[in-house]
């Protein structure tokens, strides 16, 4: 008996089985590759979306920080300018002590204090270093010193001062 035909038949069958299995493996690999690509696309899209959301949140946070910092700087500049204005106004008010009309101002301030507090009021006219008038009658007092008058004048400008920075 010749074994060669049997061997050829077995070999052909084995080769056929090998081709079929390789085709199955190729098909399975192709399906896995398609699923992996789809999963990678979903992960990429989700990562991109997460990254954009995180970048947006970070941008909003940074913008908020920048706005707060700008406001702090603006307010600090306003305080500095207001303090400089206050200082210059006070210096100008104190300088009026050398003006010949200062005596008339003191007289008017003294009369106003007496009108408000009565004839028995204790009146200090032109106190050292602050000028103006300070008066007391019991628990009541009025402060018409130059620094107090400057503060009142600045407070009276309130809204007008704010418009300088608008």
N, C-alpha and C. Protein backbone atom coordinates (compact mmCIF):
# COMPACT_ATOMS: atom_id res chain seq x y z
N UNK A 1 0.81 -1.13 0.00
CA UNK A 1 0.00 0.00 0.00
C UNK A 1 0.88 1.23 0.00
N UNK A 2 0.38 2.09 -0.78
CA UNK A 2 1.18 3.29 -0.91
C UNK A 2 0.66 4.31 0.08
N UNK A 3 1.56 4.86 0.83
CA UNK A 3 1.23 5.84 1.85
C UNK A 3 1.26 7.27 1.30
N UNK A 4 1.81 7.38 0.18
CA UNK A 4 1.94 8.73 -0.36
C UNK A 4 0.58 9.38 -0.61
N UNK A 5 -0.38 8.73 -1.20
CA UNK A 5 -1.67 9.38 -1.39
C UNK A 5 -2.32 9.72 -0.05
N UNK A 6 -2.16 8.85 0.94
CA UNK A 6 -2.73 9.13 2.25
C UNK A 6 -2.05 10.33 2.87
N UNK A 7 -0.74 10.34 2.73
CA UNK A 7 0.03 11.46 3.26
C UNK A 7 -0.38 12.74 2.56
N UNK A 8 -0.53 12.72 1.25
CA UNK A 8 -0.93 13.91 0.50
C UNK A 8 -2.32 14.37 0.91
N UNK A 9 -3.21 13.43 1.14
CA UNK A 9 -4.57 13.77 1.55
C UNK A 9 -4.57 14.41 2.94
N UNK A 10 -3.80 13.83 3.87
CA UNK A 10 -3.71 14.38 5.23
C UNK A 10 -3.05 15.75 5.21
N UNK A 11 -2.05 15.88 4.37
CA UNK A 11 -1.36 17.15 4.26
C UNK A 11 -2.30 18.21 3.67
N UNK A 12 -3.07 17.85 2.67
CA UNK A 12 -4.01 18.78 2.06
C UNK A 12 -5.08 19.17 3.08
N UNK A 13 -5.54 18.15 3.84
CA UNK A 13 -6.54 18.46 4.87
C UNK A 13 -5.96 19.38 5.93
N UNK A 14 -4.74 19.14 6.37
CA UNK A 14 -4.08 19.97 7.38
C UNK A 14 -3.86 21.38 6.84
N UNK A 15 -3.46 21.48 5.60
CA UNK A 15 -3.26 22.80 5.00
C UNK A 15 -4.59 23.55 4.90
N UNK A 16 -5.64 22.84 4.55
CA UNK A 16 -6.97 23.44 4.47
C UNK A 16 -7.41 23.94 5.85
N UNK A 17 -7.17 23.07 6.85
CA UNK A 17 -7.51 23.45 8.24
C UNK A 17 -6.69 24.66 8.67
N UNK A 18 -5.42 24.67 8.30
CA UNK A 18 -4.55 25.79 8.66
C UNK A 18 -5.05 27.08 8.00
N UNK A 19 -5.46 27.03 6.74
CA UNK A 19 -5.96 28.21 6.02
C UNK A 19 -7.25 28.70 6.67
N UNK A 20 -8.13 27.71 7.02
CA UNK A 20 -9.38 28.09 7.65
C UNK A 20 -9.12 28.75 9.00
N UNK A 21 -8.24 28.19 9.80
CA UNK A 21 -7.91 28.77 11.11
C UNK A 21 -7.22 30.13 10.96
N UNK A 22 -6.33 30.26 10.01
CA UNK A 22 -5.68 31.55 9.76
C UNK A 22 -6.72 32.58 9.32
N UNK A 23 -7.68 32.18 8.54
CA UNK A 23 -8.73 33.10 8.11
C UNK A 23 -9.57 33.52 9.32
N UNK A 24 -9.90 32.55 10.21
CA UNK A 24 -10.64 32.87 11.43
C UNK A 24 -9.85 33.84 12.31
N UNK A 25 -8.56 33.57 12.46
CA UNK A 25 -7.69 34.43 13.28
C UNK A 25 -7.60 35.81 12.65
N UNK A 26 -7.43 35.87 11.32
CA UNK A 26 -7.39 37.17 10.64
C UNK A 26 -8.69 37.94 10.86
N UNK A 27 -9.82 37.22 10.74
CA UNK A 27 -11.13 37.85 10.93
C UNK A 27 -11.27 38.35 12.39
N UNK A 28 -10.87 37.49 13.34
CA UNK A 28 -10.94 37.87 14.76
C UNK A 28 -10.03 39.06 15.05
N UNK A 29 -8.85 39.05 14.50
CA UNK A 29 -7.92 40.18 14.69
C UNK A 29 -8.49 41.45 14.08
N UNK A 30 -9.10 41.33 12.91
CA UNK A 30 -9.69 42.49 12.24
C UNK A 30 -10.81 43.06 13.10
N UNK A 31 -11.67 42.19 13.66
CA UNK A 31 -12.75 42.65 14.54
C UNK A 31 -12.19 43.33 15.79
N UNK A 32 -11.17 42.72 16.38
CA UNK A 32 -10.54 43.32 17.59
C UNK A 32 -9.92 44.67 17.24
N UNK A 33 -9.31 44.77 16.10
CA UNK A 33 -8.70 46.02 15.67
C UNK A 33 -9.77 47.09 15.45
N UNK A 34 -10.89 46.71 14.85
CA UNK A 34 -11.99 47.66 14.65
C UNK A 34 -12.52 48.14 16.00
N UNK A 35 -12.73 47.20 16.95
CA UNK A 35 -13.21 47.58 18.28
C UNK A 35 -12.19 48.46 19.01
N UNK A 36 -10.92 48.13 18.88
CA UNK A 36 -9.86 48.92 19.53
C UNK A 36 -9.81 50.34 18.95
N UNK A 37 -9.97 50.45 17.64
CA UNK A 37 -9.97 51.78 17.02
C UNK A 37 -11.18 52.58 17.48
N UNK A 38 -12.33 51.94 17.57
CA UNK A 38 -13.54 52.62 18.03
C UNK A 38 -13.37 53.08 19.48
N UNK A 39 -12.82 52.19 20.32
CA UNK A 39 -12.56 52.54 21.72
C UNK A 39 -11.55 53.68 21.81
N UNK A 40 -10.51 53.64 21.00
CA UNK A 40 -9.50 54.71 20.99
C UNK A 40 -10.13 56.02 20.55
N UNK A 41 -11.02 55.98 19.56
CA UNK A 41 -11.69 57.20 19.10
C UNK A 41 -12.56 57.77 20.21
N UNK A 42 -13.30 56.89 20.93
CA UNK A 42 -14.12 57.36 22.05
C UNK A 42 -13.25 57.96 23.15
N UNK A 43 -12.16 57.28 23.49
CA UNK A 43 -11.26 57.79 24.53
C UNK A 43 -10.64 59.12 24.11
N UNK A 44 -10.27 59.22 22.86
CA UNK A 44 -9.68 60.46 22.35
C UNK A 44 -10.71 61.60 22.42
N UNK A 45 -11.95 61.31 22.01
CA UNK A 45 -13.00 62.32 22.06
C UNK A 45 -13.28 62.73 23.50
N UNK A 46 -13.38 61.74 24.39
CA UNK A 46 -13.64 62.05 25.80
C UNK A 46 -12.47 62.83 26.40
N UNK A 47 -11.26 62.43 26.09
CA UNK A 47 -10.09 63.14 26.60
C UNK A 47 -10.05 64.57 26.07
N UNK A 48 -10.37 64.74 24.80
CA UNK A 48 -10.39 66.08 24.21
C UNK A 48 -11.46 66.92 24.91
N UNK A 49 -12.64 66.34 25.10
CA UNK A 49 -13.72 67.06 25.77
C UNK A 49 -13.34 67.41 27.20
N UNK A 50 -12.75 66.43 27.92
CA UNK A 50 -12.31 66.69 29.30
C UNK A 50 -11.24 67.76 29.32
N UNK A 51 -10.32 67.70 28.38
CA UNK A 51 -9.25 68.70 28.31
C UNK A 51 -9.79 70.08 28.00
N UNK A 52 -10.75 70.15 27.07
CA UNK A 52 -11.35 71.45 26.74
C UNK A 52 -12.11 72.00 27.93
N UNK A 53 -12.84 71.13 28.64
CA UNK A 53 -13.59 71.57 29.81
C UNK A 53 -12.63 72.06 30.90
N UNK A 54 -11.57 71.28 31.13
CA UNK A 54 -10.58 71.68 32.14
C UNK A 54 -9.89 72.99 31.73
N UNK A 55 -9.58 73.12 30.45
CA UNK A 55 -8.94 74.36 29.98
C UNK A 55 -9.89 75.54 30.13
N UNK A 56 -11.18 75.31 29.84
CA UNK A 56 -12.17 76.37 30.02
C UNK A 56 -12.29 76.79 31.47
N UNK A 57 -12.32 75.79 32.36
CA UNK A 57 -12.40 76.10 33.79
C UNK A 57 -11.16 76.86 34.25
N UNK A 58 -10.01 76.42 33.79
CA UNK A 58 -8.76 77.10 34.17
C UNK A 58 -8.72 78.51 33.61
N UNK A 59 -9.20 78.67 32.38
CA UNK A 59 -9.23 80.01 31.78
C UNK A 59 -10.17 80.92 32.57
N UNK A 60 -11.34 80.40 32.97
CA UNK A 60 -12.27 81.20 33.77
C UNK A 60 -11.67 81.54 35.13
N UNK A 61 -10.99 80.58 35.73
CA UNK A 61 -10.35 80.82 37.03
C UNK A 61 -9.29 81.91 36.90
N UNK A 62 -8.45 81.78 35.87
CA UNK A 62 -7.40 82.77 35.67
C UNK A 62 -7.97 84.15 35.36
N UNK A 63 -9.04 84.18 34.59
CA UNK A 63 -9.69 85.45 34.27
C UNK A 63 -10.25 86.08 35.54
N UNK A 64 -10.86 85.25 36.40
CA UNK A 64 -11.36 85.76 37.68
C UNK A 64 -10.24 86.32 38.53
N UNK A 65 -9.13 85.60 38.59
CA UNK A 65 -7.97 86.07 39.36
C UNK A 65 -7.45 87.39 38.77
N UNK A 66 -7.38 87.46 37.45
CA UNK A 66 -6.90 88.68 36.80
C UNK A 66 -7.84 89.85 37.07
N UNK A 67 -9.16 89.59 37.02
CA UNK A 67 -10.12 90.66 37.31
C UNK A 67 -9.99 91.14 38.75
N UNK A 68 -9.86 90.18 39.69
CA UNK A 68 -9.71 90.58 41.09
C UNK A 68 -8.42 91.37 41.29
N UNK A 69 -7.35 90.93 40.66
CA UNK A 69 -6.07 91.62 40.80
C UNK A 69 -6.15 93.03 40.20
N UNK A 70 -6.80 93.14 39.04
CA UNK A 70 -6.95 94.45 38.41
C UNK A 70 -7.77 95.37 39.31
N UNK A 71 -8.82 94.83 39.91
CA UNK A 71 -9.65 95.63 40.82
C UNK A 71 -8.83 96.06 42.04
N UNK A 72 -8.04 95.13 42.59
CA UNK A 72 -7.19 95.47 43.74
C UNK A 72 -6.22 96.59 43.37
N UNK A 73 -5.61 96.48 42.20
CA UNK A 73 -4.65 97.50 41.77
C UNK A 73 -5.35 98.85 41.55
N UNK A 74 -6.55 98.80 40.95
CA UNK A 74 -7.30 100.04 40.73
C UNK A 74 -7.67 100.68 42.06
N UNK A 75 -8.15 99.87 43.01
CA UNK A 75 -8.53 100.42 44.31
C UNK A 75 -7.31 100.95 45.06
N UNK A 76 -6.19 100.25 44.95
CA UNK A 76 -4.97 100.73 45.60
C UNK A 76 -4.53 102.06 45.00
N UNK A 77 -4.62 102.17 43.67
CA UNK A 77 -4.26 103.44 43.01
C UNK A 77 -5.23 104.54 43.44
N UNK A 78 -6.51 104.21 43.53
CA UNK A 78 -7.49 105.21 43.98
C UNK A 78 -7.20 105.66 45.40
N UNK A 79 -6.89 104.68 46.29
CA UNK A 79 -6.56 105.04 47.68
C UNK A 79 -5.33 105.93 47.73
N UNK A 80 -4.33 105.60 46.93
CA UNK A 80 -3.10 106.40 46.90
C UNK A 80 -3.40 107.82 46.42
N UNK A 81 -4.17 107.92 45.35
CA UNK A 81 -4.51 109.25 44.83
C UNK A 81 -5.39 110.02 45.81
N UNK A 82 -6.33 109.34 46.44
CA UNK A 82 -7.19 110.01 47.42
C UNK A 82 -6.37 110.49 48.61
N UNK A 83 -5.44 109.66 49.04
CA UNK A 83 -4.59 110.07 50.17
C UNK A 83 -3.71 111.25 49.77
N UNK A 84 -3.21 111.24 48.54
CA UNK A 84 -2.40 112.37 48.06
C UNK A 84 -3.26 113.63 47.98
N UNK A 85 -4.50 113.48 47.48
CA UNK A 85 -5.42 114.62 47.44
C UNK A 85 -5.69 115.14 48.85
N UNK A 86 -5.94 114.22 49.78
CA UNK A 86 -6.21 114.59 51.18
C UNK A 86 -5.00 115.35 51.75
N UNK A 87 -3.81 114.83 51.51
CA UNK A 87 -2.59 115.45 52.04
C UNK A 87 -2.38 116.84 51.45
N UNK A 88 -2.57 116.96 50.14
CA UNK A 88 -2.39 118.28 49.49
C UNK A 88 -3.45 119.27 49.97
N UNK A 89 -4.69 118.80 50.11
CA UNK A 89 -5.76 119.68 50.58
C UNK A 89 -5.47 120.14 52.01
N UNK A 90 -5.00 119.23 52.85
CA UNK A 90 -4.67 119.59 54.22
C UNK A 90 -3.51 120.59 54.25
N UNK A 91 -2.49 120.35 53.44
CA UNK A 91 -1.37 121.30 53.38
C UNK A 91 -1.85 122.67 52.92
N UNK A 92 -2.74 122.68 51.93
CA UNK A 92 -3.26 123.97 51.44
C UNK A 92 -4.09 124.64 52.52
N UNK A 93 -4.89 123.85 53.26
CA UNK A 93 -5.71 124.44 54.33
C UNK A 93 -4.82 125.00 55.43
N UNK A 94 -3.80 124.25 55.83
CA UNK A 94 -2.88 124.72 56.87
C UNK A 94 -2.16 125.98 56.39
N UNK A 95 -1.85 126.04 55.10
CA UNK A 95 -1.16 127.21 54.54
C UNK A 95 -2.02 128.47 54.63
N UNK A 96 -3.35 128.30 54.72
CA UNK A 96 -4.22 129.49 54.84
C UNK A 96 -3.99 130.22 56.16
N UNK A 97 -3.34 129.58 57.11
CA UNK A 97 -3.08 130.23 58.39
C UNK A 97 -2.19 131.47 58.20
N UNK A 98 -1.44 131.49 57.12
CA UNK A 98 -0.60 132.65 56.84
C UNK A 98 -1.30 133.71 56.00
N UNK A 99 -2.50 133.44 55.56
CA UNK A 99 -3.26 134.37 54.72
C UNK A 99 -3.94 135.41 55.62
N UNK A 100 -3.94 136.68 55.22
CA UNK A 100 -4.59 137.73 56.02
C UNK A 100 -6.09 137.48 56.23
N UNK A 101 -6.72 136.72 55.37
CA UNK A 101 -8.16 136.45 55.50
C UNK A 101 -8.45 135.34 56.51
N UNK A 102 -7.40 134.70 57.02
CA UNK A 102 -7.56 133.58 57.96
C UNK A 102 -8.28 134.04 59.23
N UNK A 103 -7.97 135.25 59.71
CA UNK A 103 -8.60 135.77 60.93
C UNK A 103 -10.11 135.88 60.75
N UNK A 104 -10.54 136.28 59.56
CA UNK A 104 -11.97 136.38 59.27
C UNK A 104 -12.61 134.98 59.29
N UNK A 105 -11.92 134.00 58.73
CA UNK A 105 -12.42 132.62 58.75
C UNK A 105 -12.56 132.13 60.19
N UNK A 106 -11.55 132.39 61.02
CA UNK A 106 -11.61 131.97 62.43
C UNK A 106 -12.81 132.61 63.14
N UNK A 107 -13.02 133.88 62.86
CA UNK A 107 -14.14 134.60 63.48
C UNK A 107 -15.48 133.95 63.08
N UNK A 108 -15.65 133.64 61.80
CA UNK A 108 -16.89 133.01 61.33
C UNK A 108 -17.06 131.61 61.94
N UNK A 109 -15.97 130.85 62.02
CA UNK A 109 -16.05 129.50 62.60
C UNK A 109 -16.40 129.58 64.09
N UNK A 110 -15.82 130.55 64.79
CA UNK A 110 -16.10 130.72 66.22
C UNK A 110 -17.57 131.10 66.41
N UNK A 111 -18.07 132.02 65.60
CA UNK A 111 -19.47 132.45 65.70
C UNK A 111 -20.41 131.27 65.41
N UNK A 112 -20.08 130.46 64.41
CA UNK A 112 -20.90 129.28 64.07
C UNK A 112 -20.92 128.30 65.23
N UNK A 113 -19.77 128.07 65.86
CA UNK A 113 -19.69 127.15 67.00
C UNK A 113 -20.53 127.67 68.16
N UNK A 114 -20.46 128.96 68.46
CA UNK A 114 -21.27 129.56 69.55
C UNK A 114 -22.76 129.45 69.24
N UNK A 115 -23.11 129.69 67.96
CA UNK A 115 -24.52 129.58 67.58
C UNK A 115 -25.02 128.15 67.79
N UNK A 116 -24.17 127.19 67.53
CA UNK A 116 -24.59 125.80 67.66
C UNK A 116 -24.59 125.31 69.11
N UNK A 117 -23.60 125.73 69.89
CA UNK A 117 -23.44 125.19 71.24
C UNK A 117 -23.88 126.15 72.34
N UNK A 118 -24.10 127.40 72.03
CA UNK A 118 -24.52 128.36 73.03
C UNK A 118 -23.36 129.21 73.54
N UNK A 119 -23.72 130.30 74.28
CA UNK A 119 -22.72 131.26 74.76
C UNK A 119 -21.74 130.62 75.75
N UNK A 120 -22.15 129.59 76.47
CA UNK A 120 -21.26 129.00 77.48
C UNK A 120 -20.27 127.99 76.92
N UNK A 121 -20.21 127.84 75.64
CA UNK A 121 -19.30 126.85 75.03
C UNK A 121 -17.84 127.24 75.26
N UNK A 122 -17.02 126.22 75.49
CA UNK A 122 -15.56 126.42 75.57
C UNK A 122 -15.05 126.37 74.13
N UNK A 123 -14.41 127.42 73.70
CA UNK A 123 -13.96 127.51 72.30
C UNK A 123 -12.44 127.61 72.28
N UNK A 124 -11.85 126.73 71.48
CA UNK A 124 -10.40 126.80 71.25
C UNK A 124 -10.22 127.29 69.82
N UNK A 125 -9.64 128.46 69.70
CA UNK A 125 -9.45 129.09 68.39
C UNK A 125 -8.02 128.85 67.95
N UNK A 126 -7.87 128.40 66.72
CA UNK A 126 -6.57 128.16 66.08
C UNK A 126 -5.67 127.25 66.92
N UNK A 127 -6.16 126.01 67.24
CA UNK A 127 -5.31 125.08 68.01
C UNK A 127 -3.99 124.83 67.27
N UNK A 128 -2.90 124.67 68.01
CA UNK A 128 -1.60 124.45 67.35
C UNK A 128 -1.66 123.25 66.41
N UNK A 129 -1.00 123.38 65.31
CA UNK A 129 -0.81 122.35 64.29
C UNK A 129 -2.05 121.98 63.50
N UNK A 130 -3.27 122.31 63.96
CA UNK A 130 -4.46 121.95 63.21
C UNK A 130 -5.29 123.15 62.79
N UNK A 131 -5.12 124.29 63.45
CA UNK A 131 -5.84 125.50 63.09
C UNK A 131 -7.34 125.35 63.22
N UNK A 132 -8.09 126.33 62.75
CA UNK A 132 -9.53 126.30 62.79
C UNK A 132 -10.07 126.54 64.19
N UNK A 133 -11.20 125.89 64.50
CA UNK A 133 -11.87 126.09 65.78
C UNK A 133 -12.38 124.74 66.26
N UNK A 134 -12.24 124.52 67.56
CA UNK A 134 -12.82 123.35 68.20
C UNK A 134 -13.59 123.87 69.41
N UNK A 135 -14.84 123.37 69.60
CA UNK A 135 -15.66 123.89 70.70
C UNK A 135 -16.39 122.75 71.39
N UNK A 136 -16.63 122.96 72.73
CA UNK A 136 -17.33 121.98 73.56
C UNK A 136 -18.32 122.71 74.46
N UNK A 137 -19.44 122.04 74.67
CA UNK A 137 -20.41 122.50 75.65
C UNK A 137 -21.01 121.24 76.26
N UNK A 138 -20.54 120.87 77.45
CA UNK A 138 -20.99 119.62 78.07
C UNK A 138 -20.54 118.44 77.23
N UNK A 139 -21.49 117.59 76.85
CA UNK A 139 -21.17 116.42 76.04
C UNK A 139 -21.15 116.71 74.55
N UNK A 140 -21.60 117.89 74.18
CA UNK A 140 -21.63 118.26 72.77
C UNK A 140 -20.32 118.92 72.37
N UNK A 141 -19.96 118.70 71.12
CA UNK A 141 -18.77 119.37 70.60
C UNK A 141 -18.91 119.54 69.10
N UNK A 142 -18.18 120.51 68.59
CA UNK A 142 -18.08 120.71 67.15
C UNK A 142 -16.60 120.81 66.80
N UNK A 143 -16.28 120.27 65.64
CA UNK A 143 -14.89 120.26 65.20
C UNK A 143 -14.80 120.99 63.87
N UNK A 144 -14.31 122.21 63.94
CA UNK A 144 -14.09 123.00 62.74
C UNK A 144 -12.59 123.24 62.55
N UNK A 145 -11.79 122.24 62.97
CA UNK A 145 -10.36 122.35 62.72
C UNK A 145 -10.13 122.17 61.23
N UNK A 146 -8.98 122.62 60.77
CA UNK A 146 -8.71 122.55 59.33
C UNK A 146 -8.74 121.10 58.81
N UNK A 147 -8.13 120.13 59.53
CA UNK A 147 -8.23 118.75 59.04
C UNK A 147 -9.68 118.26 58.96
N UNK A 148 -10.51 118.61 59.95
CA UNK A 148 -11.91 118.19 59.92
C UNK A 148 -12.64 118.84 58.76
N UNK A 149 -12.36 120.11 58.48
CA UNK A 149 -13.00 120.79 57.36
C UNK A 149 -12.59 120.18 56.03
N UNK A 150 -11.31 119.81 55.92
CA UNK A 150 -10.82 119.15 54.69
C UNK A 150 -11.54 117.81 54.52
N UNK A 151 -11.66 117.01 55.59
CA UNK A 151 -12.33 115.72 55.50
C UNK A 151 -13.79 115.89 55.09
N UNK A 152 -14.47 116.88 55.66
CA UNK A 152 -15.86 117.13 55.28
C UNK A 152 -15.96 117.52 53.80
N UNK A 153 -15.03 118.37 53.36
CA UNK A 153 -15.05 118.81 51.96
C UNK A 153 -14.84 117.61 51.03
N UNK A 154 -13.90 116.74 51.38
CA UNK A 154 -13.66 115.55 50.55
C UNK A 154 -14.85 114.61 50.58
N UNK A 155 -15.44 114.42 51.76
CA UNK A 155 -16.62 113.56 51.86
C UNK A 155 -17.76 114.13 51.04
N UNK A 156 -17.85 115.44 50.99
CA UNK A 156 -18.89 116.09 50.20
C UNK A 156 -18.70 115.89 48.70
N UNK A 157 -17.47 115.61 48.31
CA UNK A 157 -17.19 115.37 46.89
C UNK A 157 -17.50 113.94 46.48
N UNK A 158 -17.69 113.05 47.46
CA UNK A 158 -17.94 111.62 47.26
C UNK A 158 -18.14 111.15 45.84
N UNK A 159 -19.33 111.34 45.31
CA UNK A 159 -19.65 110.88 43.96
C UNK A 159 -18.81 111.52 42.89
N UNK A 160 -18.50 112.81 43.08
CA UNK A 160 -17.67 113.50 42.09
C UNK A 160 -16.27 112.89 42.03
N UNK A 161 -15.76 112.47 43.19
CA UNK A 161 -14.43 111.83 43.20
C UNK A 161 -14.50 110.49 42.48
N UNK A 162 -15.59 109.74 42.70
CA UNK A 162 -15.73 108.44 42.03
C UNK A 162 -15.79 108.58 40.51
N UNK A 163 -16.36 109.67 40.04
CA UNK A 163 -16.45 109.89 38.60
C UNK A 163 -15.08 110.06 37.98
N UNK A 164 -14.11 110.47 38.76
CA UNK A 164 -12.74 110.59 38.21
C UNK A 164 -12.21 109.25 37.73
N UNK A 165 -12.69 108.17 38.36
CA UNK A 165 -12.19 106.84 38.01
C UNK A 165 -13.16 106.05 37.14
N UNK A 166 -14.23 106.66 36.76
CA UNK A 166 -15.23 105.92 35.95
C UNK A 166 -14.78 105.84 34.51
